[in-house]
Amino acid sequence: MSHDAAEAEYTYAAAARGEHHEDGLPCGSQGGESGHSVAALVERAVDLAEPIKPRLRGWLHAGMVPAALIAGIVLICLTRTPQAAVACAVYSVTAWLLFATSAIYHRGTWGPRGEAVLRRLDHANIFLIIAGTCTPLAVVLLPPSQRFVLLWIVWAGALVGIAFRVLWVGAPRWLYTPCYLALGWAPVRYLPDFLHTGGAAVLTLVVAGGLLYSAGAVVYALQRPDPSPRWFGFHEVFHAFTVAAFTAHYIAISLAVY
């Protein structure tokens, strides 16, 4: 048993017995003072029993916030058409929102209400980055009729997914993780068109990015591997996959629009 877990167990036991805590809180007082002391001990025990965040939690995405901002500006400035510029702007905003919200959520301690709000935003942004990534690929690589269909599918799916995660934030991982995967692979039927218009390099990077996102989703769902729970746990492995996947897709979009 860890030191924190042992202290939490002792604290609960002390509250139940009415003893003095090692911090000097009197637990045997009468009336309101006793009730207040017991409540303080229980609150302290709850704090100690909470899972410890790995020390590198959120830093990968925090580092991507300025990187995504700069990369997005470069991408928008180097596009060849106004349509492509708008599509790349949508992609860049969704990427920046994903990394910024994730960094804020995972780096801080926000209390129950703040955690609930940020968790909803964090999970909603996953649907946004999927739709945002598809947007410039559809605009640049597909003819108008196919472009409209793909954009309708991914953005309607993203809005449904966001509503699902906002309204049911406590949904089990095994239920909502496949939703991310299903939406993320929605463009699979258009891969031949990506190859025809964008070339082999663009197609390879799009597929590689999709596989990296999928691998990250599997790690997130299984919570394995968990190499170093105190420093770099399964969630950090998941974040590493998202950074690698974003990089692959950014390069693919850059090759398509330049």
C-alpha atoms as a PDB file:
ATOM      1  CA  MET A   1       0.000   0.000   0.000  1.00  0.00           C
ATOM      2  CA  SER A   2       1.281   3.461  -0.899  1.00  0.00           C
ATOM      3  CA  HIS A   3       1.919   6.119   1.734  1.00  0.00           C
ATOM      4  CA  ASP A   4      -1.042   8.207   0.494  1.00  0.00           C
ATOM      5  CA  ALA A   5      -3.395   5.224   0.507  1.00  0.00           C
ATOM      6  CA  ALA A   6      -2.259   4.253   3.997  1.00  0.00           C
ATOM      7  CA  GLU A   7      -2.778   7.794   5.233  1.00  0.00           C
ATOM      8  CA  ALA A   8      -6.227   7.890   3.657  1.00  0.00           C
ATOM      9  CA  GLU A   9      -7.185   4.626   5.392  1.00  0.00           C
ATOM     10  CA  TYR A  10      -5.864   5.928   8.707  1.00  0.00           C
ATOM     11  CA  THR A  11      -7.761   9.183   8.279  1.00  0.00           C
ATOM     12  CA  TYR A  12     -11.068   7.435   7.693  1.00  0.00           C
ATOM     13  CA  ALA A  13     -10.441   5.187  10.688  1.00  0.00           C
ATOM     14  CA  ALA A  14      -9.516   8.173  12.841  1.00  0.00           C
ATOM     15  CA  ALA A  15     -12.692   9.978  11.816  1.00  0.00           C
ATOM     16  CA  ALA A  16     -14.741   6.948  12.742  1.00  0.00           C
ATOM     17  CA  ARG A  17     -13.008   6.520  16.138  1.00  0.00           C
ATOM     18  CA  GLY A  18     -12.976  10.231  17.034  1.00  0.00           C
ATOM     19  CA  GLU A  19      -9.184  10.353  17.481  1.00  0.00           C
ATOM     20  CA  HIS A  20      -6.726  13.161  16.882  1.00  0.00           C
ATOM     21  CA  HIS A  21      -5.252  13.325  13.391  1.00  0.00           C
ATOM     22  CA  GLU A  22      -1.539  13.753  12.933  1.00  0.00           C
ATOM     23  CA  ASP A  23      -2.160  17.293  11.678  1.00  0.00           C
ATOM     24  CA  GLY A  24      -3.575  18.159  15.073  1.00  0.00           C
ATOM     25  CA  LEU A  25      -7.262  18.212  14.150  1.00  0.00           C
ATOM     26  CA  PRO A  26      -9.324  17.296  17.251  1.00  0.00           C
ATOM     27  CA  CYS A  27     -11.798  14.592  16.346  1.00  0.00           C
ATOM     28  CA  GLY A  28     -13.277  14.029  19.790  1.00  0.00           C
ATOM     29  CA  SER A  29     -14.802  17.447  20.378  1.00  0.00           C
ATOM     30  CA  GLN A  30     -18.488  17.813  21.168  1.00  0.00           C
ATOM     31  CA  GLY A  31     -21.337  19.308  19.097  1.00  0.00           C
ATOM     32  CA  GLY A  32     -20.642  21.303  15.950  1.00  0.00           C
ATOM     33  CA  GLU A  33     -16.873  21.296  16.505  1.00  0.00           C
ATOM     34  CA  SER A  34     -16.814  17.498  16.394  1.00  0.00           C
ATOM     35  CA  GLY A  35     -18.911  17.381  13.234  1.00  0.00           C
ATOM     36  CA  HIS A  36     -16.694  19.957  11.572  1.00  0.00           C
ATOM     37  CA  SER A  37     -13.541  18.037  12.486  1.00  0.00           C
ATOM     38  CA  VAL A  38     -14.877  14.740  11.209  1.00  0.00           C
ATOM     39  CA  ALA A  39     -15.927  16.418   7.951  1.00  0.00           C
ATOM     40  CA  ALA A  40     -12.435  17.883   7.576  1.00  0.00           C
ATOM     41  CA  LEU A  41     -10.877  14.465   8.087  1.00  0.00           C
ATOM     42  CA  VAL A  42     -13.155  12.839   5.546  1.00  0.00           C
ATOM     43  CA  GLU A  43     -12.392  15.583   3.016  1.00  0.00           C
ATOM     44  CA  ARG A  44      -8.678  15.082   3.605  1.00  0.00           C
ATOM     45  CA  ALA A  45      -9.047  11.330   3.093  1.00  0.00           C
ATOM     46  CA  VAL A  46     -10.940  11.827  -0.157  1.00  0.00           C
ATOM     47  CA  ASP A  47      -8.161  14.115  -1.425  1.00  0.00           C
ATOM     48  CA  LEU A  48      -5.549  11.505  -0.563  1.00  0.00           C
ATOM     49  CA  ALA A  49      -7.534   8.705  -2.195  1.00  0.00           C
ATOM     50  CA  GLU A  50      -7.815  10.487  -5.564  1.00  0.00           C
ATOM     51  CA  PRO A  51      -5.651   9.001  -8.348  1.00  0.00           C
ATOM     52  CA  ILE A  52      -2.340  10.749  -8.800  1.00  0.00           C
ATOM     53  CA  LYS A  53      -1.865  12.329 -12.218  1.00  0.00           C
ATOM     54  CA  PRO A  54       1.355  11.369 -13.981  1.00  0.00           C
ATOM     55  CA  ARG A  55       3.716  14.325 -13.796  1.00  0.00           C
ATOM     56  CA  LEU A  56       3.900  14.653 -17.571  1.00  0.00           C
ATOM     57  CA  ARG A  57       0.096  14.669 -17.967  1.00  0.00           C
ATOM     58  CA  GLY A  58      -0.907  17.337 -20.463  1.00  0.00           C
ATOM     59  CA  TRP A  59       2.589  18.550 -21.375  1.00  0.00           C
ATOM     60  CA  LEU A  60       2.610  16.964 -24.844  1.00  0.00           C
ATOM     61  CA  HIS A  61      -0.561  18.799 -25.822  1.00  0.00           C
ATOM     62  CA  ALA A  62       0.600  21.976 -24.082  1.00  0.00           C
ATOM     63  CA  GLY A  63       3.656  21.982 -26.314  1.00  0.00           C
ATOM     64  CA  MET A  64       1.444  21.516 -29.357  1.00  0.00           C
ATOM     65  CA  VAL A  65      -0.609  24.657 -28.655  1.00  0.00           C
ATOM     66  CA  PRO A  66       1.932  27.159 -30.083  1.00  0.00           C
ATOM     67  CA  ALA A  67       3.074  24.612 -32.672  1.00  0.00           C
ATOM     68  CA  ALA A  68      -0.473  24.115 -33.996  1.00  0.00           C
ATOM     69  CA  LEU A  69      -1.078  27.875 -34.049  1.00  0.00           C
ATOM     70  CA  ILE A  70       2.064  28.602 -36.073  1.00  0.00           C
ATOM     71  CA  ALA A  71       1.544  25.610 -38.373  1.00  0.00           C
ATOM     72  CA  GLY A  72      -2.034  26.689 -39.028  1.00  0.00           C
ATOM     73  CA  ILE A  73      -1.030  30.219 -39.969  1.00  0.00           C
ATOM     74  CA  VAL A  74       1.624  28.894 -42.365  1.00  0.00           C
ATOM     75  CA  LEU A  75      -0.863  26.479 -43.912  1.00  0.00           C
ATOM     76  CA  ILE A  76      -3.497  29.176 -44.477  1.00  0.00           C
ATOM     77  CA  CYS A  77      -1.002  31.643 -45.938  1.00  0.00           C
ATOM     78  CA  LEU A  78       0.406  29.156 -48.448  1.00  0.00           C
ATOM     79  CA  THR A  79      -2.866  27.857 -49.855  1.00  0.00           C
ATOM     80  CA  ARG A  80      -3.574  28.580 -53.511  1.00  0.00           C
ATOM     81  CA  THR A  81      -7.325  29.309 -53.457  1.00  0.00           C
ATOM     82  CA  PRO A  82      -9.757  31.127 -51.128  1.00  0.00           C
ATOM     83  CA  GLN A  83     -11.762  27.912 -50.701  1.00  0.00           C
ATOM     84  CA  ALA A  84      -8.695  26.026 -49.578  1.00  0.00           C
ATOM     85  CA  ALA A  85      -7.746  28.861 -47.219  1.00  0.00           C
ATOM     86  CA  VAL A  86     -11.148  28.718 -45.505  1.00  0.00           C
ATOM     87  CA  ALA A  87     -10.991  24.928 -45.252  1.00  0.00           C
ATOM     88  CA  CYS A  88      -7.489  25.081 -43.765  1.00  0.00           C
ATOM     89  CA  ALA A  89      -8.628  27.757 -41.319  1.00  0.00           C
ATOM     90  CA  VAL A  90     -11.377  25.422 -40.097  1.00  0.00           C
ATOM     91  CA  TYR A  91      -8.841  22.622 -39.717  1.00  0.00           C
ATOM     92  CA  SER A  92      -6.372  24.847 -37.881  1.00  0.00           C
ATOM     93  CA  VAL A  93      -8.976  26.162 -35.431  1.00  0.00           C
ATOM     94  CA  THR A  94     -10.178  22.653 -34.554  1.00  0.00           C
ATOM     95  CA  ALA A  95      -6.587  21.497 -34.025  1.00  0.00           C
ATOM     96  CA  TRP A  96      -5.743  24.451 -31.797  1.00  0.00           C
ATOM     97  CA  LEU A  97      -8.923  23.969 -29.768  1.00  0.00           C
ATOM     98  CA  LEU A  98      -8.122  20.287 -29.293  1.00  0.00           C
ATOM     99  CA  PHE A  99      -4.609  20.862 -27.962  1.00  0.00           C
ATOM    100  CA  ALA A 100      -5.386  23.995 -25.932  1.00  0.00           C
ATOM    101  CA  THR A 101      -8.434  22.536 -24.196  1.00  0.00           C
ATOM    102  CA  SER A 102      -6.655  19.268 -23.499  1.00  0.00           C
ATOM    103  CA  ALA A 103      -3.625  21.064 -22.048  1.00  0.00           C
ATOM    104  CA  ILE A 104      -5.783  23.228 -19.770  1.00  0.00           C
ATOM    105  CA  TYR A 105      -7.888  20.266 -18.657  1.00  0.00           C
ATOM    106  CA  HIS A 106      -5.034  17.870 -17.957  1.00  0.00           C
ATOM    107  CA  ARG A 107      -2.501  20.287 -16.472  1.00  0.00           C
ATOM    108  CA  GLY A 108      -4.775  21.896 -13.881  1.00  0.00           C
ATOM    109  CA  THR A 109      -6.910  20.862 -10.929  1.00  0.00           C
ATOM    110  CA  TRP A 110     -10.348  22.359 -11.428  1.00  0.00           C
ATOM    111  CA  GLY A 111     -12.668  20.794  -8.880  1.00  0.00           C
ATOM    112  CA  PRO A 112     -15.718  18.633  -9.705  1.00  0.00           C
ATOM    113  CA  ARG A 113     -17.660  21.313 -11.618  1.00  0.00           C
ATOM    114  CA  GLY A 114     -14.662  22.572 -13.594  1.00  0.00           C
ATOM    115  CA  GLU A 115     -13.492  19.030 -14.355  1.00  0.00           C
ATOM    116  CA  ALA A 116     -16.944  18.124 -15.697  1.00  0.00           C
ATOM    117  CA  VAL A 117     -17.066  21.159 -18.000  1.00  0.00           C
ATOM    118  CA  LEU A 118     -13.529  20.731 -19.303  1.00  0.00           C
ATOM    119  CA  ARG A 119     -13.975  17.010 -19.809  1.00  0.00           C
ATOM    120  CA  ARG A 120     -17.034  17.660 -21.981  1.00  0.00           C
ATOM    121  CA  LEU A 121     -15.098  20.205 -24.039  1.00  0.00           C
ATOM    122  CA  ASP A 122     -12.064  17.942 -24.296  1.00  0.00           C
ATOM    123  CA  HIS A 123     -14.069  14.998 -25.607  1.00  0.00           C
ATOM    124  CA  ALA A 124     -16.178  17.191 -27.912  1.00  0.00           C
ATOM    125  CA  ASN A 125     -12.994  18.507 -29.533  1.00  0.00           C
ATOM    126  CA  ILE A 126     -12.068  15.000 -30.666  1.00  0.00           C
ATOM    127  CA  PHE A 127     -15.125  14.985 -32.920  1.00  0.00           C
ATOM    128  CA  LEU A 128     -14.254  18.491 -34.113  1.00  0.00           C
ATOM    129  CA  ILE A 129     -10.675  17.602 -35.093  1.00  0.00           C
ATOM    130  CA  ILE A 130     -11.956  14.604 -37.088  1.00  0.00           C
ATOM    131  CA  ALA A 131     -14.368  16.762 -39.058  1.00  0.00           C
ATOM    132  CA  GLY A 132     -11.828  19.587 -39.266  1.00  0.00           C
ATOM    133  CA  THR A 133      -9.166  17.297 -40.732  1.00  0.00           C
ATOM    134  CA  CYS A 134     -11.546  15.980 -43.363  1.00  0.00           C
ATOM    135  CA  THR A 135     -12.539  19.496 -44.443  1.00  0.00           C
ATOM    136  CA  PRO A 136      -9.434  20.584 -46.413  1.00  0.00           C
ATOM    137  CA  LEU A 137      -8.942  17.069 -47.767  1.00  0.00           C
ATOM    138  CA  ALA A 138     -12.495  17.065 -49.122  1.00  0.00           C
ATOM    139  CA  VAL A 139     -12.308  20.608 -50.491  1.00  0.00           C
ATOM    140  CA  VAL A 140      -8.973  20.145 -52.250  1.00  0.00           C
ATOM    141  CA  LEU A 141      -9.055  16.498 -53.336  1.00  0.00           C
ATOM    142  CA  LEU A 142     -12.690  15.712 -54.185  1.00  0.00           C
ATOM    143  CA  PRO A 143     -15.053  16.910 -56.937  1.00  0.00           C
ATOM    144  CA  PRO A 144     -17.952  19.096 -55.729  1.00  0.00           C
ATOM    145  CA  SER A 145     -20.590  16.344 -55.496  1.00  0.00           C
ATOM    146  CA  GLN A 146     -18.396  13.978 -53.468  1.00  0.00           C
ATOM    147  CA  ARG A 147     -17.040  16.890 -51.416  1.00  0.00           C
ATOM    148  CA  PHE A 148     -20.533  17.840 -50.282  1.00  0.00           C
ATOM    149  CA  VAL A 149     -21.407  14.275 -49.255  1.00  0.00           C
ATOM    150  CA  LEU A 150     -18.237  13.740 -47.226  1.00  0.00           C
ATOM    151  CA  LEU A 151     -18.480  17.111 -45.478  1.00  0.00           C
ATOM    152  CA  TRP A 152     -22.129  16.481 -44.637  1.00  0.00           C
ATOM    153  CA  ILE A 153     -21.298  13.041 -43.181  1.00  0.00           C
ATOM    154  CA  VAL A 154     -18.374  14.136 -41.019  1.00  0.00           C
ATOM    155  CA  TRP A 155     -19.879  17.376 -39.713  1.00  0.00           C
ATOM    156  CA  ALA A 156     -23.300  15.862 -39.008  1.00  0.00           C
ATOM    157  CA  GLY A 157     -21.541  12.965 -37.293  1.00  0.00           C
ATOM    158  CA  ALA A 158     -19.396  15.372 -35.296  1.00  0.00           C
ATOM    159  CA  LEU A 159     -22.431  17.334 -34.085  1.00  0.00           C
ATOM    160  CA  VAL A 160     -24.220  14.131 -33.043  1.00  0.00           C
ATOM    161  CA  GLY A 161     -21.076  12.908 -31.293  1.00  0.00           C
ATOM    162  CA  ILE A 162     -20.635  16.206 -29.450  1.00  0.00           C
ATOM    163  CA  ALA A 163     -24.243  16.120 -28.259  1.00  0.00           C
ATOM    164  CA  PHE A 164     -23.753  12.531 -27.096  1.00  0.00           C
ATOM    165  CA  ARG A 165     -20.607  13.320 -25.092  1.00  0.00           C
ATOM    166  CA  VAL A 166     -21.982  16.557 -23.622  1.00  0.00           C
ATOM    167  CA  LEU A 167     -25.262  14.990 -22.532  1.00  0.00           C
ATOM    168  CA  TRP A 168     -23.707  11.732 -21.311  1.00  0.00           C
ATOM    169  CA  VAL A 169     -20.270  12.645 -20.006  1.00  0.00           C
ATOM    170  CA  GLY A 170     -20.127   9.477 -17.904  1.00  0.00           C
ATOM    171  CA  ALA A 171     -20.620   7.116 -20.835  1.00  0.00           C
ATOM    172  CA  PRO A 172     -18.309   4.066 -20.689  1.00  0.00           C
ATOM    173  CA  ARG A 173     -15.145   4.080 -22.779  1.00  0.00           C
ATOM    174  CA  TRP A 174     -16.164   0.936 -24.653  1.00  0.00           C
ATOM    175  CA  LEU A 175     -19.227   2.784 -25.937  1.00  0.00           C
ATOM    176  CA  TYR A 176     -17.903   6.179 -27.020  1.00  0.00           C
ATOM    177  CA  THR A 177     -14.416   5.216 -28.239  1.00  0.00           C
ATOM    178  CA  PRO A 178     -15.841   3.255 -31.229  1.00  0.00           C
ATOM    179  CA  CYS A 179     -17.820   6.400 -32.115  1.00  0.00           C
ATOM    180  CA  TYR A 180     -14.546   8.284 -32.598  1.00  0.00           C
ATOM    181  CA  LEU A 181     -13.175   5.447 -34.724  1.00  0.00           C
ATOM    182  CA  ALA A 182     -16.314   5.163 -36.873  1.00  0.00           C
ATOM    183  CA  LEU A 183     -16.347   8.887 -37.662  1.00  0.00           C
ATOM    184  CA  GLY A 184     -12.587   8.980 -38.189  1.00  0.00           C
ATOM    185  CA  TRP A 185     -12.735   6.260 -40.842  1.00  0.00           C
ATOM    186  CA  ALA A 186     -15.814   7.673 -42.591  1.00  0.00           C
ATOM    187  CA  PRO A 187     -13.667   8.962 -45.529  1.00  0.00           C
ATOM    188  CA  VAL A 188     -12.288   5.474 -46.273  1.00  0.00           C
ATOM    189  CA  ARG A 189     -14.449   5.110 -49.397  1.00  0.00           C
ATOM    190  CA  TYR A 190     -12.828   8.260 -50.801  1.00  0.00           C
ATOM    191  CA  LEU A 191      -9.245   7.025 -50.478  1.00  0.00           C
ATOM    192  CA  PRO A 192      -8.991   6.143 -54.199  1.00  0.00           C
ATOM    193  CA  ASP A 193      -9.931   9.743 -55.004  1.00  0.00           C
ATOM    194  CA  PHE A 194      -7.310  11.011 -52.568  1.00  0.00           C
ATOM    195  CA  LEU A 195      -4.759   8.850 -54.387  1.00  0.00           C
ATOM    196  CA  HIS A 196      -5.866   9.999 -57.839  1.00  0.00           C
ATOM    197  CA  THR A 197      -5.842  13.728 -57.008  1.00  0.00           C
ATOM    198  CA  GLY A 198      -3.221  13.998 -54.272  1.00  0.00           C
ATOM    199  CA  GLY A 199      -0.804  11.216 -55.130  1.00  0.00           C
ATOM    200  CA  ALA A 200       0.701   8.321 -53.211  1.00  0.00           C
ATOM    201  CA  ALA A 201       2.420  10.455 -50.573  1.00  0.00           C
ATOM    202  CA  VAL A 202      -0.812  12.187 -49.559  1.00  0.00           C
ATOM    203  CA  LEU A 203      -2.715   8.899 -49.397  1.00  0.00           C
ATOM    204  CA  THR A 204       0.027   7.209 -47.378  1.00  0.00           C
ATOM    205  CA  LEU A 205       0.123  10.026 -44.826  1.00  0.00           C
ATOM    206  CA  VAL A 206      -3.687  10.150 -44.530  1.00  0.00           C
ATOM    207  CA  VAL A 207      -3.850   6.404 -43.858  1.00  0.00           C
ATOM    208  CA  ALA A 208      -0.855   6.527 -41.499  1.00  0.00           C
ATOM    209  CA  GLY A 209      -2.479   9.325 -39.515  1.00  0.00           C
ATOM    210  CA  GLY A 210      -5.718   7.373 -39.295  1.00  0.00           C
ATOM    211  CA  LEU A 211      -3.883   4.281 -38.050  1.00  0.00           C
ATOM    212  CA  LEU A 212      -2.020   6.339 -35.444  1.00  0.00           C
ATOM    213  CA  TYR A 213      -5.263   7.904 -34.182  1.00  0.00           C
ATOM    214  CA  SER A 214      -6.817   4.424 -34.067  1.00  0.00           C
ATOM    215  CA  ALA A 215      -3.879   3.007 -32.132  1.00  0.00           C
ATOM    216  CA  GLY A 216      -4.215   5.862 -29.651  1.00  0.00           C
ATOM    217  CA  ALA A 217      -7.938   5.150 -29.277  1.00  0.00           C
ATOM    218  CA  VAL A 218      -7.183   1.497 -28.478  1.00  0.00           C
ATOM    219  CA  VAL A 219      -4.648   2.546 -25.827  1.00  0.00           C
ATOM    220  CA  TYR A 220      -7.196   4.941 -24.352  1.00  0.00           C
ATOM    221  CA  ALA A 221      -9.956   2.313 -24.284  1.00  0.00           C
ATOM    222  CA  LEU A 222      -7.787  -0.459 -22.794  1.00  0.00           C
ATOM    223  CA  GLN A 223      -5.734   1.871 -20.559  1.00  0.00           C
ATOM    224  CA  ARG A 224      -2.700  -0.117 -21.653  1.00  0.00           C
ATOM    225  CA  PRO A 225       0.246   0.108 -21.987  1.00  0.00           C
ATOM    226  CA  ASP A 226       0.782   2.083 -18.802  1.00  0.00           C
ATOM    227  CA  PRO A 227       4.589   2.384 -18.724  1.00  0.00           C
ATOM    228  CA  SER A 228       5.060   4.755 -15.771  1.00  0.00           C
ATOM    229  CA  PRO A 229       1.906   5.717 -13.825  1.00  0.00           C
ATOM    230  CA  ARG A 230       3.789   8.406 -11.886  1.00  0.00           C
ATOM    231  CA  TRP A 231       5.400  10.025 -14.923  1.00  0.00           C
ATOM    232  CA  PHE A 232       4.168   8.781 -18.308  1.00  0.00           C
ATOM    233  CA  GLY A 233       1.048   6.650 -18.101  1.00  0.00           C
ATOM    234  CA  PHE A 234      -1.354   5.217 -20.654  1.00  0.00           C
ATOM    235  CA  HIS A 235      -2.984   8.621 -21.199  1.00  0.00           C
ATOM    236  CA  GLU A 236       0.378  10.115 -22.163  1.00  0.00           C
ATOM    237  CA  VAL A 237       0.872   7.244 -24.637  1.00  0.00           C
ATOM    238  CA  PHE A 238      -2.545   8.117 -26.078  1.00  0.00           C
ATOM    239  CA  HIS A 239      -1.553  11.789 -26.358  1.00  0.00           C
ATOM    240  CA  ALA A 240       1.709  10.827 -28.064  1.00  0.00           C
ATOM    241  CA  PHE A 241      -0.257   8.940 -30.720  1.00  0.00           C
ATOM    242  CA  THR A 242      -2.527  11.961 -31.288  1.00  0.00           C
ATOM    243  CA  VAL A 243       0.487  14.236 -31.798  1.00  0.00           C
ATOM    244  CA  ALA A 244       2.038  11.799 -34.285  1.00  0.00           C
ATOM    245  CA  ALA A 245      -1.281  11.401 -36.116  1.00  0.00           C
ATOM    246  CA  PHE A 246      -1.855  15.150 -36.297  1.00  0.00           C
ATOM    247  CA  THR A 247       1.648  15.602 -37.726  1.00  0.00           C
ATOM    248  CA  ALA A 248       1.038  13.008 -40.440  1.00  0.00           C
ATOM    249  CA  HIS A 249      -2.276  14.595 -41.434  1.00  0.00           C
ATOM    250  CA  TYR A 250      -0.819  18.109 -41.360  1.00  0.00           C
ATOM    251  CA  ILE A 251       1.907  17.078 -43.795  1.00  0.00           C
ATOM    252  CA  ALA A 252      -0.667  15.360 -46.032  1.00  0.00           C
ATOM    253  CA  ILE A 253      -2.868  18.458 -46.111  1.00  0.00           C
ATOM    254  CA  SER A 254       0.152  20.659 -46.775  1.00  0.00           C
ATOM    255  CA  LEU A 255       1.167  18.543 -49.766  1.00  0.00           C
ATOM    256  CA  ALA A 256      -2.395  18.671 -51.077  1.00  0.00           C
ATOM    257  CA  VAL A 257      -2.943  22.431 -50.800  1.00  0.00           C
ATOM    258  CA  TYR A 258       0.465  23.902 -51.671  1.00  0.00           C
END
